[in-house]
Each structure stands twice: as C-alpha cells, then as structure tokens.
Amino acid sequence: MIKNVIIFCLLPLSLFATADGPIFYGIEGVGKGHHLTLREKPTSHSKPITYMPHNTVCLENLGCQGGISLKDFQMLSEEELAKKIKENPIWCKIKYNSTIGWAFGKFLTEKPCP
C-alpha cells in the first residue's frame, strides 16, 4: 500500500502533462520566509541564477528529468528504490518570470496559473 503513495510522489512531474498546453507549477514545502533556488544546471552544486519566494506560482514547466522509472518501481525493493531516488533526484527546467533555469522537483507541485 505504501508503494502506491511513493510512486505518485517520485515519478517525474512532467508525466502528468497534458497535450493541450503547458503545465504550471507552484512551490510547496519551502517554509515561509525561505526561497527555492533556480539554477543554471540540474544539480545542487550548479550556479544559482535567482531565488524564488516560498509562495511562488505560475512557474512554467519546460520539462523534468530524473526520478525513477515504472519498471524500477515495480522491480526494486524499498531500500533499492530509496537509494536510486537519492542518486537520481528530479530536476525541472522552468520559466520564472522571464528567467529559465532548473529547480529541485521535490519542491514543485502542479498548480494552475491564475
């Protein structure tokens, strides 16, 4: 039962895209007064481009990478899954205002752009 919850949270967010237009994300899980860093490349060691406030919305999805495949999810033990997820985190290329960069997918959630 727990695996069903884990797969939804860990698959790349771009899997939930629809063919009729871009998806927008909002930041979730970042504390009030904190920010999410937009980076040049999809790695936490990459140069920061800008910082997005904790309540930012209307982040245009330009594609995500990383995460686990459905095959891995079905075949690997929970311990192996945890290791693979840590080794291959989800990063999403997004557009924030007019700036394009990479954000850690763990803190993005699909939200409509008002």
PDB file of N, CA and C in Angstrom:
ATOM      1  N   MET A   1       0.823  -1.191   0.000  1.00  0.00           N
ATOM      2  CA  MET A   1       0.000   0.000   0.000  1.00  0.00           C
ATOM      3  C   MET A   1       0.865   1.252   0.000  1.00  0.00           C
ATOM      4  N   ILE A   2       1.944   1.260   0.744  1.00  0.00           N
ATOM      5  CA  ILE A   2       2.792   2.445   0.823  1.00  0.00           C
ATOM      6  C   ILE A   2       3.461   2.724  -0.519  1.00  0.00           C
ATOM      7  N   LYS A   3       3.773   1.709  -1.300  1.00  0.00           N
ATOM      8  CA  LYS A   3       4.410   1.918  -2.597  1.00  0.00           C
ATOM      9  C   LYS A   3       3.513   2.734  -3.520  1.00  0.00           C
ATOM     10  N   ASN A   4       2.199   2.562  -3.442  1.00  0.00           N
ATOM     11  CA  ASN A   4       1.295   3.335  -4.292  1.00  0.00           C
ATOM     12  C   ASN A   4       1.428   4.826  -4.024  1.00  0.00           C
ATOM     13  N   VAL A   5       1.626   5.212  -2.797  1.00  0.00           N
ATOM     14  CA  VAL A   5       1.805   6.615  -2.451  1.00  0.00           C
ATOM     15  C   VAL A   5       3.163   7.101  -2.928  1.00  0.00           C
ATOM     16  N   ILE A   6       4.183   6.301  -2.749  1.00  0.00           N
ATOM     17  CA  ILE A   6       5.542   6.680  -3.125  1.00  0.00           C
ATOM     18  C   ILE A   6       5.661   6.912  -4.620  1.00  0.00           C
ATOM     19  N   ILE A   7       5.094   6.074  -5.455  1.00  0.00           N
ATOM     20  CA  ILE A   7       5.257   6.241  -6.899  1.00  0.00           C
ATOM     21  C   ILE A   7       4.667   7.566  -7.360  1.00  0.00           C
ATOM     22  N   PHE A   8       3.539   7.965  -6.831  1.00  0.00           N
ATOM     23  CA  PHE A   8       2.924   9.228  -7.245  1.00  0.00           C
ATOM     24  C   PHE A   8       3.838  10.396  -6.926  1.00  0.00           C
ATOM     25  N   CYS A   9       4.502  10.359  -5.801  1.00  0.00           N
ATOM     26  CA  CYS A   9       5.342  11.472  -5.372  1.00  0.00           C
ATOM     27  C   CYS A   9       6.695  11.493  -6.063  1.00  0.00           C
ATOM     28  N   LEU A  10       7.161  10.388  -6.569  1.00  0.00           N
ATOM     29  CA  LEU A  10       8.538  10.306  -7.035  1.00  0.00           C
ATOM     30  C   LEU A  10       8.715  10.265  -8.538  1.00  0.00           C
ATOM     31  N   LEU A  11       7.671   9.986  -9.285  1.00  0.00           N
ATOM     32  CA  LEU A  11       7.814   9.996 -10.723  1.00  0.00           C
ATOM     33  C   LEU A  11       7.995  11.423 -11.210  1.00  0.00           C
ATOM     34  N   PRO A  12       8.712  11.624 -12.301  1.00  0.00           N
ATOM     35  CA  PRO A  12       8.895  12.985 -12.793  1.00  0.00           C
ATOM     36  C   PRO A  12       7.570  13.689 -12.989  1.00  0.00           C
ATOM     37  N   LEU A  13       7.515  14.937 -12.573  1.00  0.00           N
ATOM     38  CA  LEU A  13       6.288  15.706 -12.640  1.00  0.00           C
ATOM     39  C   LEU A  13       5.790  15.872 -14.065  1.00  0.00           C
ATOM     40  N   SER A  14       6.695  15.826 -15.044  1.00  0.00           N
ATOM     41  CA  SER A  14       6.289  16.012 -16.432  1.00  0.00           C
ATOM     42  C   SER A  14       5.394  14.881 -16.920  1.00  0.00           C
ATOM     43  N   LEU A  15       5.369  13.749 -16.221  1.00  0.00           N
ATOM     44  CA  LEU A  15       4.499  12.656 -16.610  1.00  0.00           C
ATOM     45  C   LEU A  15       3.034  13.036 -16.523  1.00  0.00           C
ATOM     46  N   PHE A  16       2.715  14.050 -15.746  1.00  0.00           N
ATOM     47  CA  PHE A  16       1.337  14.443 -15.565  1.00  0.00           C
ATOM     48  C   PHE A  16       0.933  15.552 -16.544  1.00  0.00           C
ATOM     49  N   ALA A  17       1.777  15.831 -17.528  1.00  0.00           N
ATOM     50  CA  ALA A  17       1.476  16.870 -18.501  1.00  0.00           C
ATOM     51  C   ALA A  17       0.342  16.421 -19.413  1.00  0.00           C
ATOM     52  N   THR A  18      -0.372  17.384 -19.935  1.00  0.00           N
ATOM     53  CA  THR A  18      -1.410  17.092 -20.909  1.00  0.00           C
ATOM     54  C   THR A  18      -0.971  17.658 -22.249  1.00  0.00           C
ATOM     55  N   ALA A  19      -1.580  17.179 -23.307  1.00  0.00           N
ATOM     56  CA  ALA A  19      -1.177  17.592 -24.646  1.00  0.00           C
ATOM     57  C   ALA A  19      -1.733  18.961 -25.021  1.00  0.00           C
ATOM     58  N   ASP A  20      -2.641  19.505 -24.255  1.00  0.00           N
ATOM     59  CA  ASP A  20      -3.310  20.740 -24.660  1.00  0.00           C
ATOM     60  C   ASP A  20      -2.646  22.010 -24.137  1.00  0.00           C
ATOM     61  N   GLY A  21      -1.447  21.946 -23.635  1.00  0.00           N
ATOM     62  CA  GLY A  21      -0.770  23.169 -23.220  1.00  0.00           C
ATOM     63  C   GLY A  21       0.212  22.924 -22.109  1.00  0.00           C
ATOM     64  N   PRO A  22       0.975  23.970 -21.776  1.00  0.00           N
ATOM     65  CA  PRO A  22       1.979  23.812 -20.716  1.00  0.00           C
ATOM     66  C   PRO A  22       1.335  23.674 -19.346  1.00  0.00           C
ATOM     67  N   ILE A  23       2.046  23.024 -18.470  1.00  0.00           N
ATOM     68  CA  ILE A  23       1.623  22.901 -17.078  1.00  0.00           C
ATOM     69  C   ILE A  23       2.397  23.926 -16.273  1.00  0.00           C
ATOM     70  N   PHE A  24       1.757  24.449 -15.279  1.00  0.00           N
ATOM     71  CA  PHE A  24       2.418  25.390 -14.381  1.00  0.00           C
ATOM     72  C   PHE A  24       2.585  24.762 -13.014  1.00  0.00           C
ATOM     73  N   TYR A  25       3.672  25.099 -12.359  1.00  0.00           N
ATOM     74  CA  TYR A  25       3.956  24.617 -11.026  1.00  0.00           C
ATOM     75  C   TYR A  25       3.928  25.760 -10.028  1.00  0.00           C
ATOM     76  N   GLY A  26       3.781  25.392  -8.789  1.00  0.00           N
ATOM     77  CA  GLY A  26       3.950  26.311  -7.684  1.00  0.00           C
ATOM     78  C   GLY A  26       4.935  25.673  -6.725  1.00  0.00           C
ATOM     79  N   ILE A  27       5.505  26.474  -5.865  1.00  0.00           N
ATOM     80  CA  ILE A  27       6.455  25.963  -4.881  1.00  0.00           C
ATOM     81  C   ILE A  27       5.685  25.473  -3.665  1.00  0.00           C
ATOM     82  N   GLU A  28       6.070  24.312  -3.171  1.00  0.00           N
ATOM     83  CA  GLU A  28       5.438  23.726  -1.989  1.00  0.00           C
ATOM     84  C   GLU A  28       6.508  23.054  -1.139  1.00  0.00           C
ATOM     85  N   GLY A  29       6.379  23.187   0.164  1.00  0.00           N
ATOM     86  CA  GLY A  29       7.323  22.533   1.062  1.00  0.00           C
ATOM     87  C   GLY A  29       8.513  23.403   1.435  1.00  0.00           C
ATOM     88  N   VAL A  30       8.488  24.657   1.020  1.00  0.00           N
ATOM     89  CA  VAL A  30       9.533  25.612   1.392  1.00  0.00           C
ATOM     90  C   VAL A  30       8.911  26.546   2.427  1.00  0.00           C
ATOM     91  N   GLY A  31       9.541  26.688   3.565  1.00  0.00           N
ATOM     92  CA  GLY A  31       8.990  27.464   4.668  1.00  0.00           C
ATOM     93  C   GLY A  31       8.843  28.949   4.378  1.00  0.00           C
ATOM     94  N   LYS A  32       7.874  29.550   5.038  1.00  0.00           N
ATOM     95  CA  LYS A  32       7.639  30.987   4.916  1.00  0.00           C
ATOM     96  C   LYS A  32       8.934  31.732   5.252  1.00  0.00           C
ATOM     97  N   GLY A  33       9.260  32.717   4.433  1.00  0.00           N
ATOM     98  CA  GLY A  33      10.490  33.479   4.635  1.00  0.00           C
ATOM     99  C   GLY A  33      11.709  32.853   3.970  1.00  0.00           C
ATOM    100  N   HIS A  34      11.541  31.661   3.390  1.00  0.00           N
ATOM    101  CA  HIS A  34      12.635  30.983   2.695  1.00  0.00           C
ATOM    102  C   HIS A  34      12.386  31.036   1.197  1.00  0.00           C
ATOM    103  N   HIS A  35      13.290  30.478   0.419  1.00  0.00           N
ATOM    104  CA  HIS A  35      13.182  30.527  -1.033  1.00  0.00           C
ATOM    105  C   HIS A  35      13.640  29.211  -1.661  1.00  0.00           C
ATOM    106  N   LEU A  36      13.322  29.058  -2.938  1.00  0.00           N
ATOM    107  CA  LEU A  36      13.812  27.944  -3.744  1.00  0.00           C
ATOM    108  C   LEU A  36      14.764  28.540  -4.778  1.00  0.00           C
ATOM    109  N   THR A  37      15.906  27.920  -4.943  1.00  0.00           N
ATOM    110  CA  THR A  37      16.927  28.430  -5.857  1.00  0.00           C
ATOM    111  C   THR A  37      16.688  27.925  -7.271  1.00  0.00           C
ATOM    112  N   LEU A  38      16.727  28.837  -8.229  1.00  0.00           N
ATOM    113  CA  LEU A  38      16.702  28.496  -9.637  1.00  0.00           C
ATOM    114  C   LEU A  38      18.163  28.446 -10.090  1.00  0.00           C
ATOM    115  N   ARG A  39      18.578  27.320 -10.676  1.00  0.00           N
ATOM    116  CA  ARG A  39      19.986  27.098 -11.003  1.00  0.00           C
ATOM    117  C   ARG A  39      20.236  26.966 -12.507  1.00  0.00           C
ATOM    118  N   GLU A  40      21.504  27.151 -12.897  1.00  0.00           N
ATOM    119  CA  GLU A  40      21.894  27.048 -14.304  1.00  0.00           C
ATOM    120  C   GLU A  40      21.757  25.625 -14.839  1.00  0.00           C
ATOM    121  N   LYS A  41      22.075  24.636 -14.004  1.00  0.00           N
ATOM    122  CA  LYS A  41      22.056  23.230 -14.415  1.00  0.00           C
ATOM    123  C   LYS A  41      21.306  22.410 -13.373  1.00  0.00           C
ATOM    124  N   PRO A  42      20.865  21.201 -13.739  1.00  0.00           N
ATOM    125  CA  PRO A  42      20.097  20.364 -12.807  1.00  0.00           C
ATOM    126  C   PRO A  42      20.947  19.642 -11.759  1.00  0.00           C
ATOM    127  N   THR A  43      21.586  20.421 -10.907  1.00  0.00           N
ATOM    128  CA  THR A  43      22.367  19.870  -9.810  1.00  0.00           C
ATOM    129  C   THR A  43      22.439  20.902  -8.693  1.00  0.00           C
ATOM    130  N   SER A  44      22.492  20.441  -7.471  1.00  0.00           N
ATOM    131  CA  SER A  44      22.533  21.359  -6.326  1.00  0.00           C
ATOM    132  C   SER A  44      23.862  22.115  -6.232  1.00  0.00           C
ATOM    133  N   HIS A  45      24.864  21.690  -6.989  1.00  0.00           N
ATOM    134  CA  HIS A  45      26.157  22.366  -6.984  1.00  0.00           C
ATOM    135  C   HIS A  45      26.276  23.405  -8.099  1.00  0.00           C
ATOM    136  N   SER A  46      25.246  23.503  -8.930  1.00  0.00           N
ATOM    137  CA  SER A  46      25.267  24.434 -10.046  1.00  0.00           C
ATOM    138  C   SER A  46      25.083  25.874  -9.564  1.00  0.00           C
ATOM    139  N   LYS A  47      25.565  26.807 -10.355  1.00  0.00           N
ATOM    140  CA  LYS A  47      25.490  28.229 -10.023  1.00  0.00           C
ATOM    141  C   LYS A  47      24.032  28.697  -9.911  1.00  0.00           C
ATOM    142  N   PRO A  48      23.685  29.390  -8.823  1.00  0.00           N
ATOM    143  CA  PRO A  48      22.330  29.950  -8.691  1.00  0.00           C
ATOM    144  C   PRO A  48      22.099  31.071  -9.707  1.00  0.00           C
ATOM    145  N   ILE A  49      20.892  31.108 -10.266  1.00  0.00           N
ATOM    146  CA  ILE A  49      20.508  32.180 -11.178  1.00  0.00           C
ATOM    147  C   ILE A  49      19.713  33.228 -10.412  1.00  0.00           C
ATOM    148  N   THR A  50      18.719  32.758  -9.666  1.00  0.00           N
ATOM    149  CA  THR A  50      17.876  33.645  -8.863  1.00  0.00           C
ATOM    150  C   THR A  50      17.215  32.822  -7.769  1.00  0.00           C
ATOM    151  N   TYR A  51      16.490  33.502  -6.907  1.00  0.00           N
ATOM    152  CA  TYR A  51      15.812  32.849  -5.793  1.00  0.00           C
ATOM    153  C   TYR A  51      14.325  33.163  -5.880  1.00  0.00           C
ATOM    154  N   MET A  52      13.489  32.135  -5.691  1.00  0.00           N
ATOM    155  CA  MET A  52      12.041  32.285  -5.799  1.00  0.00           C
ATOM    156  C   MET A  52      11.418  32.188  -4.409  1.00  0.00           C
ATOM    157  N   PRO A  53      10.544  33.139  -4.049  1.00  0.00           N
ATOM    158  CA  PRO A  53       9.891  33.100  -2.741  1.00  0.00           C
ATOM    159  C   PRO A  53       9.098  31.808  -2.530  1.00  0.00           C
ATOM    160  N   HIS A  54       8.883  31.444  -1.286  1.00  0.00           N
ATOM    161  CA  HIS A  54       8.222  30.194  -0.906  1.00  0.00           C
ATOM    162  C   HIS A  54       6.818  30.035  -1.482  1.00  0.00           C
ATOM    163  N   ASN A  55       6.155  31.120  -1.825  1.00  0.00           N
ATOM    164  CA  ASN A  55       4.768  31.046  -2.294  1.00  0.00           C
ATOM    165  C   ASN A  55       4.633  31.342  -3.791  1.00  0.00           C
ATOM    166  N   THR A  56       5.697  31.164  -4.543  1.00  0.00           N
ATOM    167  CA  THR A  56       5.684  31.443  -5.977  1.00  0.00           C
ATOM    168  C   THR A  56       4.777  30.470  -6.716  1.00  0.00           C
ATOM    169  N   VAL A  57       4.005  31.007  -7.669  1.00  0.00           N
ATOM    170  CA  VAL A  57       3.175  30.205  -8.572  1.00  0.00           C
ATOM    171  C   VAL A  57       3.470  30.637 -10.002  1.00  0.00           C
ATOM    172  N   CYS A  58       2.840  30.015 -10.950  1.00  0.00           N
ATOM    173  CA  CYS A  58       2.986  30.322 -12.387  1.00  0.00           C
ATOM    174  C   CYS A  58       4.390  30.025 -12.909  1.00  0.00           C
ATOM    175  N   LEU A  59       4.993  28.952 -12.427  1.00  0.00           N
ATOM    176  CA  LEU A  59       6.281  28.503 -12.940  1.00  0.00           C
ATOM    177  C   LEU A  59       5.994  27.578 -14.117  1.00  0.00           C
ATOM    178  N   GLU A  60       6.371  28.007 -15.303  1.00  0.00           N
ATOM    179  CA  GLU A  60       6.063  27.226 -16.496  1.00  0.00           C
ATOM    180  C   GLU A  60       6.973  26.006 -16.603  1.00  0.00           C
ATOM    181  N   ASN A  61       6.376  24.837 -16.796  1.00  0.00           N
ATOM    182  CA  ASN A  61       7.110  23.587 -16.924  1.00  0.00           C
ATOM    183  C   ASN A  61       7.713  23.476 -18.316  1.00  0.00           C
ATOM    184  N   LEU A  62       9.042  23.349 -18.370  1.00  0.00           N
ATOM    185  CA  LEU A  62       9.738  23.153 -19.641  1.00  0.00           C
ATOM    186  C   LEU A  62      10.338  21.751 -19.725  1.00  0.00           C
ATOM    187  N   GLY A  63       9.967  20.889 -18.794  1.00  0.00           N
ATOM    188  CA  GLY A  63      10.431  19.506 -18.807  1.00  0.00           C
ATOM    189  C   GLY A  63      11.215  19.142 -17.565  1.00  0.00           C
ATOM    190  N   CYS A  64      11.076  17.905 -17.152  1.00  0.00           N
ATOM    191  CA  CYS A  64      11.773  17.406 -15.964  1.00  0.00           C
ATOM    192  C   CYS A  64      12.632  16.214 -16.335  1.00  0.00           C
ATOM    193  N   GLN A  65      13.593  15.950 -15.486  1.00  0.00           N
ATOM    194  CA  GLN A  65      14.449  14.775 -15.666  1.00  0.00           C
ATOM    195  C   GLN A  65      14.738  14.171 -14.304  1.00  0.00           C
ATOM    196  N   GLY A  66      15.090  12.902 -14.322  1.00  0.00           N
ATOM    197  CA  GLY A  66      15.414  12.215 -13.080  1.00  0.00           C
ATOM    198  C   GLY A  66      14.229  11.425 -12.565  1.00  0.00           C
ATOM    199  N   GLY A  67      14.326  11.005 -11.333  1.00  0.00           N
ATOM    200  CA  GLY A  67      13.277  10.190 -10.741  1.00  0.00           C
ATOM    201  C   GLY A  67      13.499   8.723 -11.055  1.00  0.00           C
ATOM    202  N   ILE A  68      12.462   7.953 -10.907  1.00  0.00           N
ATOM    203  CA  ILE A  68      12.557   6.513 -11.150  1.00  0.00           C
ATOM    204  C   ILE A  68      11.578   6.112 -12.241  1.00  0.00           C
ATOM    205  N   SER A  69      11.900   5.036 -12.911  1.00  0.00           N
ATOM    206  CA  SER A  69      11.009   4.517 -13.942  1.00  0.00           C
ATOM    207  C   SER A  69       9.961   3.614 -13.301  1.00  0.00           C
ATOM    208  N   LEU A  70       8.904   3.381 -14.029  1.00  0.00           N
ATOM    209  CA  LEU A  70       7.860   2.477 -13.550  1.00  0.00           C
ATOM    210  C   LEU A  70       8.430   1.064 -13.369  1.00  0.00           C
ATOM    211  N   LYS A  71       9.317   0.669 -14.269  1.00  0.00           N
ATOM    212  CA  LYS A  71       9.948  -0.651 -14.176  1.00  0.00           C
ATOM    213  C   LYS A  71      10.743  -0.778 -12.871  1.00  0.00           C
ATOM    214  N   ASP A  72      11.551   0.255 -12.558  1.00  0.00           N
ATOM    215  CA  ASP A  72      12.307   0.228 -11.302  1.00  0.00           C
ATOM    216  C   ASP A  72      11.363   0.153 -10.113  1.00  0.00           C
ATOM    217  N   PHE A  73      10.313   0.949 -10.165  1.00  0.00           N
ATOM    218  CA  PHE A  73       9.347   0.967  -9.071  1.00  0.00           C
ATOM    219  C   PHE A  73       8.751  -0.418  -8.837  1.00  0.00           C
ATOM    220  N   GLN A  74       8.462  -1.116  -9.909  1.00  0.00           N
ATOM    221  CA  GLN A  74       7.843  -2.430  -9.801  1.00  0.00           C
ATOM    222  C   GLN A  74       8.825  -3.520  -9.403  1.00  0.00           C
ATOM    223  N   MET A  75      10.098  -3.363  -9.761  1.00  0.00           N
ATOM    224  CA  MET A  75      11.062  -4.447  -9.585  1.00  0.00           C
ATOM    225  C   MET A  75      11.956  -4.324  -8.344  1.00  0.00           C
ATOM    226  N   LEU A  76      12.222  -3.107  -7.897  1.00  0.00           N
ATOM    227  CA  LEU A  76      13.196  -2.912  -6.829  1.00  0.00           C
ATOM    228  C   LEU A  76      12.553  -2.967  -5.439  1.00  0.00           C
ATOM    229  N   SER A  77      13.356  -3.341  -4.460  1.00  0.00           N
ATOM    230  CA  SER A  77      12.891  -3.325  -3.075  1.00  0.00           C
ATOM    231  C   SER A  77      12.789  -1.873  -2.615  1.00  0.00           C
ATOM    232  N   GLU A  78      12.141  -1.642  -1.482  1.00  0.00           N
ATOM    233  CA  GLU A  78      12.015  -0.282  -0.959  1.00  0.00           C
ATOM    234  C   GLU A  78      13.388   0.329  -0.679  1.00  0.00           C
ATOM    235  N   GLU A  79      14.315  -0.476  -0.190  1.00  0.00           N
ATOM    236  CA  GLU A  79      15.671   0.010   0.083  1.00  0.00           C
ATOM    237  C   GLU A  79      16.383   0.403  -1.213  1.00  0.00           C
ATOM    238  N   GLU A  80      16.249  -0.440  -2.246  1.00  0.00           N
ATOM    239  CA  GLU A  80      16.868  -0.133  -3.538  1.00  0.00           C
ATOM    240  C   GLU A  80      16.231   1.110  -4.169  1.00  0.00           C
ATOM    241  N   LEU A  81      14.917   1.249  -4.009  1.00  0.00           N
ATOM    242  CA  LEU A  81      14.220   2.433  -4.528  1.00  0.00           C
ATOM    243  C   LEU A  81      14.741   3.707  -3.874  1.00  0.00           C
ATOM    244  N   ALA A  82      14.860   3.684  -2.552  1.00  0.00           N
ATOM    245  CA  ALA A  82      15.333   4.857  -1.816  1.00  0.00           C
ATOM    246  C   ALA A  82      16.729   5.258  -2.301  1.00  0.00           C
ATOM    247  N   LYS A  83      17.586   4.272  -2.524  1.00  0.00           N
ATOM    248  CA  LYS A  83      18.942   4.542  -2.998  1.00  0.00           C
ATOM    249  C   LYS A  83      18.916   5.147  -4.399  1.00  0.00           C
ATOM    250  N   LYS A  84      18.106   4.581  -5.277  1.00  0.00           N
ATOM    251  CA  LYS A  84      18.028   5.056  -6.656  1.00  0.00           C
ATOM    252  C   LYS A  84      17.464   6.479  -6.721  1.00  0.00           C
ATOM    253  N   ILE A  85      16.482   6.772  -5.887  1.00  0.00           N
ATOM    254  CA  ILE A  85      15.887   8.106  -5.852  1.00  0.00           C
ATOM    255  C   ILE A  85      16.909   9.134  -5.378  1.00  0.00           C
ATOM    256  N   LYS A  86      17.684   8.760  -4.380  1.00  0.00           N
ATOM    257  CA  LYS A  86      18.720   9.666  -3.870  1.00  0.00           C
ATOM    258  C   LYS A  86      19.788   9.923  -4.933  1.00  0.00           C
ATOM    259  N   GLU A  87      20.118   8.903  -5.710  1.00  0.00           N
ATOM    260  CA  GLU A  87      21.138   9.016  -6.745  1.00  0.00           C
ATOM    261  C   GLU A  87      20.635   9.769  -7.979  1.00  0.00           C
ATOM    262  N   ASN A  88      19.329   9.797  -8.201  1.00  0.00           N
ATOM    263  CA  ASN A  88      18.755  10.368  -9.415  1.00  0.00           C
ATOM    264  C   ASN A  88      17.555  11.260  -9.082  1.00  0.00           C
ATOM    265  N   PRO A  89      17.779  12.381  -8.384  1.00  0.00           N
ATOM    266  CA  PRO A  89      16.667  13.242  -7.984  1.00  0.00           C
ATOM    267  C   PRO A  89      16.004  13.920  -9.194  1.00  0.00           C
ATOM    268  N   ILE A  90      14.780  14.345  -8.995  1.00  0.00           N
ATOM    269  CA  ILE A  90      14.031  15.029 -10.052  1.00  0.00           C
ATOM    270  C   ILE A  90      14.404  16.510 -10.076  1.00  0.00           C
ATOM    271  N   TRP A  91      14.754  16.991 -11.262  1.00  0.00           N
ATOM    272  CA  TRP A  91      15.004  18.409 -11.503  1.00  0.00           C
ATOM    273  C   TRP A  91      14.116  18.842 -12.652  1.00  0.00           C
ATOM    274  N   CYS A  92      13.519  20.018 -12.537  1.00  0.00           N
ATOM    275  CA  CYS A  92      12.639  20.515 -13.583  1.00  0.00           C
ATOM    276  C   CYS A  92      13.158  21.834 -14.130  1.00  0.00           C
ATOM    277  N   LYS A  93      13.155  21.917 -15.453  1.00  0.00           N
ATOM    278  CA  LYS A  93      13.502  23.167 -16.122  1.00  0.00           C
ATOM    279  C   LYS A  93      12.229  24.005 -16.146  1.00  0.00           C
ATOM    280  N   ILE A  94      12.313  25.194 -15.610  1.00  0.00           N
ATOM    281  CA  ILE A  94      11.129  26.037 -15.501  1.00  0.00           C
ATOM    282  C   ILE A  94      11.429  27.456 -15.954  1.00  0.00           C
ATOM    283  N   LYS A  95      10.355  28.151 -16.224  1.00  0.00           N
ATOM    284  CA  LYS A  95      10.452  29.577 -16.545  1.00  0.00           C
ATOM    285  C   LYS A  95       9.808  30.338 -15.400  1.00  0.00           C
ATOM    286  N   TYR A  96      10.585  31.192 -14.768  1.00  0.00           N
ATOM    287  CA  TYR A  96      10.144  32.031 -13.653  1.00  0.00           C
ATOM    288  C   TYR A  96      10.241  33.475 -14.123  1.00  0.00           C
ATOM    289  N   ASN A  97       9.091  34.132 -14.285  1.00  0.00           N
ATOM    290  CA  ASN A  97       9.035  35.438 -14.933  1.00  0.00           C
ATOM    291  C   ASN A  97       9.676  35.263 -16.309  1.00  0.00           C
ATOM    292  N   SER A  98      10.776  35.891 -16.609  1.00  0.00           N
ATOM    293  CA  SER A  98      11.417  35.704 -17.920  1.00  0.00           C
ATOM    294  C   SER A  98      12.722  34.908 -17.804  1.00  0.00           C
ATOM    295  N   THR A  99      12.978  34.345 -16.637  1.00  0.00           N
ATOM    296  CA  THR A  99      14.223  33.617 -16.394  1.00  0.00           C
ATOM    297  C   THR A  99      13.990  32.113 -16.489  1.00  0.00           C
ATOM    298  N   ILE A 100      14.871  31.420 -17.201  1.00  0.00           N
ATOM    299  CA  ILE A 100      14.784  29.967 -17.350  1.00  0.00           C
ATOM    300  C   ILE A 100      15.938  29.315 -16.598  1.00  0.00           C
ATOM    301  N   GLY A 101      15.620  28.283 -15.840  1.00  0.00           N
ATOM    302  CA  GLY A 101      16.637  27.554 -15.100  1.00  0.00           C
ATOM    303  C   GLY A 101      16.067  26.273 -14.535  1.00  0.00           C
ATOM    304  N   TRP A 102      16.813  25.647 -13.644  1.00  0.00           N
ATOM    305  CA  TRP A 102      16.457  24.342 -13.081  1.00  0.00           C
ATOM    306  C   TRP A 102      16.124  24.469 -11.597  1.00  0.00           C
ATOM    307  N   ALA A 103      15.050  23.805 -11.191  1.00  0.00           N
ATOM    308  CA  ALA A 103      14.634  23.793  -9.789  1.00  0.00           C
ATOM    309  C   ALA A 103      14.498  22.349  -9.321  1.00  0.00           C
ATOM    310  N   PHE A 104      14.783  22.120  -8.052  1.00  0.00           N
ATOM    311  CA  PHE A 104      14.673  20.792  -7.457  1.00  0.00           C
ATOM    312  C   PHE A 104      13.197  20.392  -7.421  1.00  0.00           C
ATOM    313  N   GLY A 105      12.867  19.318  -8.119  1.00  0.00           N
ATOM    314  CA  GLY A 105      11.478  18.887  -8.281  1.00  0.00           C
ATOM    315  C   GLY A 105      10.761  18.538  -6.994  1.00  0.00           C
ATOM    316  N   LYS A 106      11.497  18.221  -5.963  1.00  0.00           N
ATOM    317  CA  LYS A 106      10.897  17.869  -4.674  1.00  0.00           C
ATOM    318  C   LYS A 106      10.008  19.001  -4.154  1.00  0.00           C
ATOM    319  N   PHE A 107      10.316  20.238  -4.533  1.00  0.00           N
ATOM    320  CA  PHE A 107       9.589  21.396  -4.009  1.00  0.00           C
ATOM    321  C   PHE A 107       8.615  21.997  -5.020  1.00  0.00           C
ATOM    322  N   LEU A 108       8.314  21.275  -6.099  1.00  0.00           N
ATOM    323  CA  LEU A 108       7.367  21.762  -7.089  1.00  0.00           C
ATOM    324  C   LEU A 108       6.123  20.900  -7.096  1.00  0.00           C
ATOM    325  N   THR A 109       5.000  21.548  -7.256  1.00  0.00           N
ATOM    326  CA  THR A 109       3.737  20.830  -7.371  1.00  0.00           C
ATOM    327  C   THR A 109       2.903  21.487  -8.460  1.00  0.00           C
ATOM    328  N   GLU A 110       2.139  20.681  -9.167  1.00  0.00           N
ATOM    329  CA  GLU A 110       1.310  21.217 -10.238  1.00  0.00           C
ATOM    330  C   GLU A 110       0.242  22.149  -9.644  1.00  0.00           C
ATOM    331  N   LYS A 111       0.196  23.367 -10.167  1.00  0.00           N
ATOM    332  CA  LYS A 111      -0.811  24.343  -9.734  1.00  0.00           C
ATOM    333  C   LYS A 111      -1.209  25.175 -10.945  1.00  0.00           C
ATOM    334  N   PRO A 112      -2.488  25.483 -11.058  1.00  0.00           N
ATOM    335  CA  PRO A 112      -2.898  26.345 -12.162  1.00  0.00           C
ATOM    336  C   PRO A 112      -2.359  27.754 -11.990  1.00  0.00           C
ATOM    337  N   CYS A 113      -2.172  28.431 -13.092  1.00  0.00           N
ATOM    338  CA  CYS A 113      -1.702  29.808 -13.054  1.00  0.00           C
ATOM    339  C   CYS A 113      -2.926  30.711 -13.120  1.00  0.00           C
ATOM    340  N   PRO A 114      -3.168  31.486 -12.055  1.00  0.00           N
ATOM    341  CA  PRO A 114      -4.391  32.321 -12.053  1.00  0.00           C
ATOM    342  C   PRO A 114      -4.381  33.387 -13.139  1.00  0.00           C
TER     343      PRO A 114
END
